[in-house]
């Protein structure tokens, strides 16, 4: 059986350092990112076991958006710009 999962996440980082006797701290947070996976599960002895995730996508979706395709124009543009800058 295939199931589709979508998660939203951010990276958090906290830095602390001392230079010339002065201690400084800083915090950074990434933009919200999206990961969509289509995962295959198999039933063995009455339990569902994860087999693999043959399809994954990093296409941005608004928080809580469960639609199959992205319809948000702003997020589509953000993804397009991101893919161009990665090349």
PDB file of N, CA and C in Angstrom:
ATOM      1  N   UNK A   1       0.846  -1.182   0.000  1.00  0.00           N
ATOM      2  CA  UNK A   1       0.000   0.000   0.000  1.00  0.00           C
ATOM      3  C   UNK A   1       0.889   1.243   0.000  1.00  0.00           C
ATOM      4  N   UNK A   2       0.506   2.227  -0.799  1.00  0.00           N
ATOM      5  CA  UNK A   2       1.233   3.497  -0.847  1.00  0.00           C
ATOM      6  C   UNK A   2       0.528   4.529   0.027  1.00  0.00           C
ATOM      7  N   UNK A   3       1.301   5.310   0.721  1.00  0.00           N
ATOM      8  CA  UNK A   3       0.783   6.421   1.515  1.00  0.00           C
ATOM      9  C   UNK A   3       1.603   7.666   1.179  1.00  0.00           C
ATOM     10  N   UNK A   4       0.956   8.821   1.158  1.00  0.00           N
ATOM     11  CA  UNK A   4       1.652  10.076   0.897  1.00  0.00           C
ATOM     12  C   UNK A   4       1.728  10.866   2.194  1.00  0.00           C
ATOM     13  N   UNK A   5       2.935  11.302   2.533  1.00  0.00           N
ATOM     14  CA  UNK A   5       3.182  12.075   3.745  1.00  0.00           C
ATOM     15  C   UNK A   5       3.759  13.424   3.356  1.00  0.00           C
ATOM     16  N   UNK A   6       3.380  14.451   4.078  1.00  0.00           N
ATOM     17  CA  UNK A   6       3.969  15.776   3.868  1.00  0.00           C
ATOM     18  C   UNK A   6       4.337  16.351   5.227  1.00  0.00           C
ATOM     19  N   UNK A   7       5.568  16.818   5.339  1.00  0.00           N
ATOM     20  CA  UNK A   7       6.016  17.434   6.593  1.00  0.00           C
ATOM     21  C   UNK A   7       6.575  18.820   6.290  1.00  0.00           C
ATOM     22  N   UNK A   8       6.444  19.693   7.252  1.00  0.00           N
ATOM     23  CA  UNK A   8       7.016  21.032   7.172  1.00  0.00           C
ATOM     24  C   UNK A   8       8.026  21.143   8.301  1.00  0.00           C
ATOM     25  N   UNK A   9       9.164  21.766   8.008  1.00  0.00           N
ATOM     26  CA  UNK A   9      10.211  21.847   9.021  1.00  0.00           C
ATOM     27  C   UNK A   9      11.068  23.094   8.832  1.00  0.00           C
ATOM     28  N   UNK A  10      11.793  23.433   9.886  1.00  0.00           N
ATOM     29  CA  UNK A  10      12.763  24.527   9.877  1.00  0.00           C
ATOM     30  C   UNK A  10      14.018  24.041  10.570  1.00  0.00           C
ATOM     31  N   UNK A  11      15.146  24.633  10.205  1.00  0.00           N
ATOM     32  CA  UNK A  11      16.392  24.361  10.900  1.00  0.00           C
ATOM     33  C   UNK A  11      16.654  25.497  11.875  1.00  0.00           C
ATOM     34  N   UNK A  12      17.051  25.145  13.079  1.00  0.00           N
ATOM     35  CA  UNK A  12      17.413  26.132  14.086  1.00  0.00           C
ATOM     36  C   UNK A  12      18.875  25.940  14.446  1.00  0.00           C
ATOM     37  N   UNK A  13      19.591  27.034  14.614  1.00  0.00           N
ATOM     38  CA  UNK A  13      21.001  26.952  15.005  1.00  0.00           C
ATOM     39  C   UNK A  13      21.281  28.002  16.069  1.00  0.00           C
ATOM     40  N   UNK A  14      22.043  27.619  17.055  1.00  0.00           N
ATOM     41  CA  UNK A  14      22.440  28.545  18.105  1.00  0.00           C
ATOM     42  C   UNK A  14      23.958  28.537  18.171  1.00  0.00           C
ATOM     43  N   UNK A  15      24.552  29.715  18.115  1.00  0.00           N
ATOM     44  CA  UNK A  15      25.993  29.847  18.115  1.00  0.00           C
ATOM     45  C   UNK A  15      26.434  30.567  19.373  1.00  0.00           C
ATOM     46  N   UNK A  16      27.565  30.142  19.898  1.00  0.00           N
ATOM     47  CA  UNK A  16      28.125  30.817  21.064  1.00  0.00           C
ATOM     48  C   UNK A  16      29.640  30.798  20.912  1.00  0.00           C
ATOM     49  N   UNK A  17      30.240  31.956  21.088  1.00  0.00           N
ATOM     50  CA  UNK A  17      31.699  32.034  20.948  1.00  0.00           C
ATOM     51  C   UNK A  17      32.280  33.162  21.764  1.00  0.00           C
ATOM     52  N   UNK A  18      33.556  33.032  22.067  1.00  0.00           N
ATOM     53  CA  UNK A  18      34.259  34.050  22.840  1.00  0.00           C
ATOM     54  C   UNK A  18      35.456  34.527  22.037  1.00  0.00           C
ATOM     55  N   UNK A  19      35.584  35.844  21.936  1.00  0.00           N
ATOM     56  CA  UNK A  19      36.735  36.455  21.262  1.00  0.00           C
ATOM     57  C   UNK A  19      37.158  37.664  22.072  1.00  0.00           C
ATOM     58  N   UNK A  20      38.438  37.719  22.390  1.00  0.00           N
ATOM     59  CA  UNK A  20      38.996  38.826  23.177  1.00  0.00           C
ATOM     60  C   UNK A  20      38.258  38.999  24.499  1.00  0.00           C
ATOM     61  N   UNK A  21      37.879  37.890  25.112  1.00  0.00           N
ATOM     62  CA  UNK A  21      37.218  37.937  26.407  1.00  0.00           C
ATOM     63  C   UNK A  21      35.751  38.302  26.362  1.00  0.00           C
ATOM     64  N   UNK A  22      35.189  38.497  25.182  1.00  0.00           N
ATOM     65  CA  UNK A  22      33.777  38.849  25.046  1.00  0.00           C
ATOM     66  C   UNK A  22      33.029  37.636  24.487  1.00  0.00           C
ATOM     67  N   UNK A  23      31.994  37.214  25.193  1.00  0.00           N
ATOM     68  CA  UNK A  23      31.184  36.085  24.745  1.00  0.00           C
ATOM     69  C   UNK A  23      29.942  36.602  24.042  1.00  0.00           C
ATOM     70  N   UNK A  24      29.703  36.056  22.850  1.00  0.00           N
ATOM     71  CA  UNK A  24      28.534  36.454  22.066  1.00  0.00           C
ATOM     72  C   UNK A  24      27.740  35.211  21.693  1.00  0.00           C
ATOM     73  N   UNK A  25      26.427  35.370  21.601  1.00  0.00           N
ATOM     74  CA  UNK A  25      25.563  34.285  21.155  1.00  0.00           C
ATOM     75  C   UNK A  25      24.682  34.790  20.013  1.00  0.00           C
ATOM     76  N   UNK A  26      24.284  33.884  19.169  1.00  0.00           N
ATOM     77  CA  UNK A  26      23.403  34.236  18.049  1.00  0.00           C
ATOM     78  C   UNK A  26      22.520  33.041  17.742  1.00  0.00           C
ATOM     79  N   UNK A  27      21.336  33.329  17.236  1.00  0.00           N
ATOM     80  CA  UNK A  27      20.415  32.280  16.817  1.00  0.00           C
ATOM     81  C   UNK A  27      19.993  32.543  15.374  1.00  0.00           C
ATOM     82  N   UNK A  28      19.905  31.480  14.604  1.00  0.00           N
ATOM     83  CA  UNK A  28      19.453  31.592  13.218  1.00  0.00           C
ATOM     84  C   UNK A  28      18.359  30.564  12.964  1.00  0.00           C
ATOM     85  N   UNK A  29      17.402  30.940  12.127  1.00  0.00           N
ATOM     86  CA  UNK A  29      16.300  30.058  11.759  1.00  0.00           C
ATOM     87  C   UNK A  29      16.165  30.070  10.240  1.00  0.00           C
ATOM     88  N   UNK A  30      16.038  28.893   9.630  1.00  0.00           N
ATOM     89  CA  UNK A  30      15.863  28.830   8.186  1.00  0.00           C
ATOM     90  C   UNK A  30      14.398  29.116   7.829  1.00  0.00           C
ATOM     91  N   UNK A  31      14.153  29.291   6.547  1.00  0.00           N
ATOM     92  CA  UNK A  31      12.778  29.406   6.066  1.00  0.00           C
ATOM     93  C   UNK A  31      12.082  28.059   6.266  1.00  0.00           C
ATOM     94  N   UNK A  32      10.764  28.079   6.287  1.00  0.00           N
ATOM     95  CA  UNK A  32      10.010  26.832   6.394  1.00  0.00           C
ATOM     96  C   UNK A  32      10.194  26.049   5.093  1.00  0.00           C
ATOM     97  N   UNK A  33      10.482  24.766   5.211  1.00  0.00           N
ATOM     98  CA  UNK A  33      10.673  23.905   4.060  1.00  0.00           C
ATOM     99  C   UNK A  33       9.642  22.774   4.092  1.00  0.00           C
ATOM    100  N   UNK A  34       9.413  22.168   2.933  1.00  0.00           N
ATOM    101  CA  UNK A  34       8.415  21.117   2.790  1.00  0.00           C
ATOM    102  C   UNK A  34       9.068  19.875   2.210  1.00  0.00           C
ATOM    103  N   UNK A  35       8.655  18.714   2.697  1.00  0.00           N
ATOM    104  CA  UNK A  35       9.118  17.433   2.143  1.00  0.00           C
ATOM    105  C   UNK A  35       7.880  16.554   1.963  1.00  0.00           C
ATOM    106  N   UNK A  36       7.657  16.078   0.742  1.00  0.00           N
ATOM    107  CA  UNK A  36       6.544  15.187   0.451  1.00  0.00           C
ATOM    108  C   UNK A  36       7.116  13.852   0.003  1.00  0.00           C
ATOM    109  N   UNK A  37       6.631  12.767   0.593  1.00  0.00           N
ATOM    110  CA  UNK A  37       7.110  11.433   0.246  1.00  0.00           C
ATOM    111  C   UNK A  37       5.938  10.513  -0.053  1.00  0.00           C
ATOM    112  N   UNK A  38       6.086   9.705  -1.080  1.00  0.00           N
ATOM    113  CA  UNK A  38       5.135   8.637  -1.359  1.00  0.00           C
ATOM    114  C   UNK A  38       5.842   7.361  -0.924  1.00  0.00           C
ATOM    115  N   UNK A  39       5.374   6.753   0.154  1.00  0.00           N
ATOM    116  CA  UNK A  39       6.056   5.615   0.755  1.00  0.00           C
ATOM    117  C   UNK A  39       5.272   4.321   0.552  1.00  0.00           C
ATOM    118  N   UNK A  40       6.019   3.253   0.383  1.00  0.00           N
ATOM    119  CA  UNK A  40       5.432   1.926   0.196  1.00  0.00           C
ATOM    120  C   UNK A  40       5.506   1.153   1.509  1.00  0.00           C
ATOM    121  N   UNK A  41       4.366   0.595   1.918  1.00  0.00           N
ATOM    122  CA  UNK A  41       4.289  -0.225   3.128  1.00  0.00           C
ATOM    123  C   UNK A  41       3.797  -1.610   2.742  1.00  0.00           C
ATOM    124  N   UNK A  42       4.234  -2.612   3.466  1.00  0.00           N
ATOM    125  CA  UNK A  42       3.810  -3.995   3.235  1.00  0.00           C
ATOM    126  C   UNK A  42       3.295  -4.576   4.546  1.00  0.00           C
ATOM    127  N   UNK A  43       2.223  -5.330   4.458  1.00  0.00           N
ATOM    128  CA  UNK A  43       1.670  -5.932   5.661  1.00  0.00           C
ATOM    129  C   UNK A  43       2.314  -7.306   5.886  1.00  0.00           C
ATOM    130  N   UNK A  44       2.929  -7.457   7.064  1.00  0.00           N
ATOM    131  CA  UNK A  44       3.595  -8.703   7.443  1.00  0.00           C
ATOM    132  C   UNK A  44       3.113  -9.079   8.834  1.00  0.00           C
ATOM    133  N   UNK A  45       2.526 -10.259   8.966  1.00  0.00           N
ATOM    134  CA  UNK A  45       2.030 -10.751  10.255  1.00  0.00           C
ATOM    135  C   UNK A  45       1.087  -9.751  10.933  1.00  0.00           C
ATOM    136  N   UNK A  46       0.239  -9.115  10.143  1.00  0.00           N
ATOM    137  CA  UNK A  46      -0.741  -8.188  10.693  1.00  0.00           C
ATOM    138  C   UNK A  46      -0.203  -6.804  11.013  1.00  0.00           C
ATOM    139  N   UNK A  47       1.085  -6.526  10.717  1.00  0.00           N
ATOM    140  CA  UNK A  47       1.680  -5.204  10.979  1.00  0.00           C
ATOM    141  C   UNK A  47       2.127  -4.592   9.660  1.00  0.00           C
ATOM    142  N   UNK A  48       1.975  -3.268   9.558  1.00  0.00           N
ATOM    143  CA  UNK A  48       2.425  -2.572   8.361  1.00  0.00           C
ATOM    144  C   UNK A  48       3.875  -2.160   8.545  1.00  0.00           C
ATOM    145  N   UNK A  49       4.737  -2.577   7.617  1.00  0.00           N
ATOM    146  CA  UNK A  49       6.162  -2.273   7.680  1.00  0.00           C
ATOM    147  C   UNK A  49       6.557  -1.374   6.519  1.00  0.00           C
ATOM    148  N   UNK A  50       7.396  -0.394   6.816  1.00  0.00           N
ATOM    149  CA  UNK A  50       7.912   0.516   5.790  1.00  0.00           C
ATOM    150  C   UNK A  50       8.839  -0.255   4.863  1.00  0.00           C
ATOM    151  N   UNK A  51       8.679  -0.065   3.541  1.00  0.00           N
ATOM    152  CA  UNK A  51       9.533  -0.728   2.560  1.00  0.00           C
ATOM    153  C   UNK A  51      10.479   0.275   1.918  1.00  0.00           C
ATOM    154  N   UNK A  52       9.935   1.335   1.320  1.00  0.00           N
ATOM    155  CA  UNK A  52      10.773   2.335   0.653  1.00  0.00           C
ATOM    156  C   UNK A  52       9.967   3.594   0.363  1.00  0.00           C
ATOM    157  N   UNK A  53      10.684   4.646  -0.044  1.00  0.00           N
ATOM    158  CA  UNK A  53      10.059   5.896  -0.495  1.00  0.00           C
ATOM    159  C   UNK A  53      10.528   6.166  -1.921  1.00  0.00           C
ATOM    160  N   UNK A  54       9.849   5.577  -2.902  1.00  0.00           N
ATOM    161  CA  UNK A  54      10.311   5.717  -4.281  1.00  0.00           C
ATOM    162  C   UNK A  54      10.126   7.114  -4.861  1.00  0.00           C
ATOM    163  N   UNK A  55       9.248   7.907  -4.290  1.00  0.00           N
ATOM    164  CA  UNK A  55       9.003   9.257  -4.805  1.00  0.00           C
ATOM    165  C   UNK A  55       9.119  10.263  -3.670  1.00  0.00           C
ATOM    166  N   UNK A  56       9.970  11.268  -3.867  1.00  0.00           N
ATOM    167  CA  UNK A  56      10.095  12.358  -2.896  1.00  0.00           C
ATOM    168  C   UNK A  56      10.088  13.688  -3.640  1.00  0.00           C
ATOM    169  N   UNK A  57       9.685  14.731  -2.948  1.00  0.00           N
ATOM    170  CA  UNK A  57       9.626  16.052  -3.559  1.00  0.00           C
ATOM    171  C   UNK A  57       9.899  17.113  -2.493  1.00  0.00           C
ATOM    172  N   UNK A  58      10.629  18.159  -2.890  1.00  0.00           N
ATOM    173  CA  UNK A  58      10.886  19.291  -2.006  1.00  0.00           C
ATOM    174  C   UNK A  58      10.107  20.526  -2.445  1.00  0.00           C
ATOM    175  N   UNK A  59       9.065  20.338  -3.233  1.00  0.00           N
ATOM    176  CA  UNK A  59       8.224  21.442  -3.676  1.00  0.00           C
ATOM    177  C   UNK A  59       7.560  22.092  -2.468  1.00  0.00           C
ATOM    178  N   UNK A  60       7.613  23.420  -2.404  1.00  0.00           N
ATOM    179  CA  UNK A  60       7.059  24.144  -1.254  1.00  0.00           C
ATOM    180  C   UNK A  60       5.533  24.128  -1.269  1.00  0.00           C
ATOM    181  N   UNK A  61       4.949  23.899  -0.100  1.00  0.00           N
ATOM    182  CA  UNK A  61       3.508  23.979   0.096  1.00  0.00           C
ATOM    183  C   UNK A  61       3.252  24.835   1.332  1.00  0.00           C
ATOM    184  N   UNK A  62       2.143  25.547   1.335  1.00  0.00           N
ATOM    185  CA  UNK A  62       1.766  26.329   2.509  1.00  0.00           C
ATOM    186  C   UNK A  62       1.521  25.376   3.677  1.00  0.00           C
ATOM    187  N   UNK A  63       1.790  25.852   4.876  1.00  0.00           N
ATOM    188  CA  UNK A  63       1.618  25.033   6.066  1.00  0.00           C
ATOM    189  C   UNK A  63       0.178  24.520   6.137  1.00  0.00           C
ATOM    190  N   UNK A  64       0.012  23.207   6.233  1.00  0.00           N
ATOM    191  CA  UNK A  64      -1.303  22.599   6.315  1.00  0.00           C
ATOM    192  C   UNK A  64      -1.936  22.274   4.971  1.00  0.00           C
ATOM    193  N   UNK A  65      -1.304  22.643   3.865  1.00  0.00           N
ATOM    194  CA  UNK A  65      -1.860  22.382   2.536  1.00  0.00           C
ATOM    195  C   UNK A  65      -1.704  20.896   2.204  1.00  0.00           C
ATOM    196  N   UNK A  66      -2.818  20.204   1.999  1.00  0.00           N
ATOM    197  CA  UNK A  66      -2.773  18.771   1.715  1.00  0.00           C
ATOM    198  C   UNK A  66      -3.142  18.439   0.271  1.00  0.00           C
ATOM    199  N   UNK A  67      -3.215  19.452  -0.584  1.00  0.00           N
ATOM    200  CA  UNK A  67      -3.568  19.195  -1.981  1.00  0.00           C
ATOM    201  C   UNK A  67      -2.439  18.437  -2.684  1.00  0.00           C
ATOM    202  N   UNK A  68      -2.778  17.775  -3.781  1.00  0.00           N
ATOM    203  CA  UNK A  68      -1.782  16.986  -4.503  1.00  0.00           C
ATOM    204  C   UNK A  68      -0.827  17.858  -5.303  1.00  0.00           C
ATOM    205  N   UNK A  69      -1.317  18.981  -5.813  1.00  0.00           N
ATOM    206  CA  UNK A  69      -0.459  19.875  -6.594  1.00  0.00           C
ATOM    207  C   UNK A  69      -0.411  21.248  -5.941  1.00  0.00           C
ATOM    208  N   UNK A  70       0.676  21.914  -6.179  1.00  0.00           N
ATOM    209  CA  UNK A  70       0.867  23.238  -5.600  1.00  0.00           C
ATOM    210  C   UNK A  70       0.101  24.280  -6.415  1.00  0.00           C
ATOM    211  N   UNK A  71      -0.707  25.097  -5.748  1.00  0.00           N
ATOM    212  CA  UNK A  71      -1.496  26.115  -6.434  1.00  0.00           C
ATOM    213  C   UNK A  71      -1.124  27.527  -6.013  1.00  0.00           C
ATOM    214  N   UNK A  72      -0.253  27.672  -5.040  1.00  0.00           N
ATOM    215  CA  UNK A  72       0.150  28.986  -4.522  1.00  0.00           C
ATOM    216  C   UNK A  72       1.183  29.612  -5.459  1.00  0.00           C
ATOM    217  N   UNK A  73       0.820  30.729  -6.090  1.00  0.00           N
ATOM    218  CA  UNK A  73       1.674  31.389  -7.079  1.00  0.00           C
ATOM    219  C   UNK A  73       2.991  31.863  -6.444  1.00  0.00           C
ATOM    220  N   UNK A  74       2.934  32.395  -5.245  1.00  0.00           N
ATOM    221  CA  UNK A  74       4.134  32.897  -4.576  1.00  0.00           C
ATOM    222  C   UNK A  74       5.116  31.758  -4.306  1.00  0.00           C
ATOM    223  N   UNK A  75       4.628  30.624  -3.816  1.00  0.00           N
ATOM    224  CA  UNK A  75       5.505  29.494  -3.542  1.00  0.00           C
ATOM    225  C   UNK A  75       6.044  28.875  -4.826  1.00  0.00           C
ATOM    226  N   UNK A  76       5.250  28.858  -5.900  1.00  0.00           N
ATOM    227  CA  UNK A  76       5.742  28.360  -7.189  1.00  0.00           C
ATOM    228  C   UNK A  76       6.909  29.216  -7.672  1.00  0.00           C
ATOM    229  N   UNK A  77       6.758  30.528  -7.542  1.00  0.00           N
ATOM    230  CA  UNK A  77       7.823  31.446  -7.956  1.00  0.00           C
ATOM    231  C   UNK A  77       9.069  31.238  -7.114  1.00  0.00           C
ATOM    232  N   UNK A  78       8.895  31.069  -5.807  1.00  0.00           N
ATOM    233  CA  UNK A  78      10.025  30.836  -4.907  1.00  0.00           C
ATOM    234  C   UNK A  78      10.780  29.566  -5.301  1.00  0.00           C
ATOM    235  N   UNK A  79      10.066  28.495  -5.604  1.00  0.00           N
ATOM    236  CA  UNK A  79      10.700  27.246  -6.022  1.00  0.00           C
ATOM    237  C   UNK A  79      11.445  27.416  -7.348  1.00  0.00           C
ATOM    238  N   UNK A  80      10.841  28.165  -8.287  1.00  0.00           N
ATOM    239  CA  UNK A  80      11.474  28.379  -9.593  1.00  0.00           C
ATOM    240  C   UNK A  80      12.777  29.164  -9.440  1.00  0.00           C
ATOM    241  N   UNK A  81      12.748  30.203  -8.631  1.00  0.00           N
ATOM    242  CA  UNK A  81      13.953  31.004  -8.401  1.00  0.00           C
ATOM    243  C   UNK A  81      15.017  30.172  -7.697  1.00  0.00           C
ATOM    244  N   UNK A  82      14.599  29.356  -6.736  1.00  0.00           N
ATOM    245  CA  UNK A  82      15.539  28.499  -6.020  1.00  0.00           C
ATOM    246  C   UNK A  82      16.196  27.486  -6.925  1.00  0.00           C
ATOM    247  N   UNK A  83      15.440  26.917  -7.864  1.00  0.00           N
ATOM    248  CA  UNK A  83      16.024  25.922  -8.769  1.00  0.00           C
ATOM    249  C   UNK A  83      16.965  26.585  -9.766  1.00  0.00           C
ATOM    250  N   UNK A  84      16.697  27.818 -10.169  1.00  0.00           N
ATOM    251  CA  UNK A  84      17.590  28.530 -11.074  1.00  0.00           C
ATOM    252  C   UNK A  84      18.899  28.903 -10.386  1.00  0.00           C
ATOM    253  N   UNK A  85      18.826  29.313  -9.140  1.00  0.00           N
ATOM    254  CA  UNK A  85      20.037  29.714  -8.420  1.00  0.00           C
ATOM    255  C   UNK A  85      20.893  28.508  -8.053  1.00  0.00           C
ATOM    256  N   UNK A  86      20.293  27.322  -8.006  1.00  0.00           N
ATOM    257  CA  UNK A  86      21.053  26.102  -7.683  1.00  0.00           C
ATOM    258  C   UNK A  86      21.867  25.627  -8.870  1.00  0.00           C
ATOM    259  N   UNK A  87      21.523  26.079 -10.069  1.00  0.00           N
ATOM    260  CA  UNK A  87      22.222  25.619 -11.290  1.00  0.00           C
ATOM    261  C   UNK A  87      23.480  26.396 -11.548  1.00  0.00           C
TER     262      UNK A  87
END
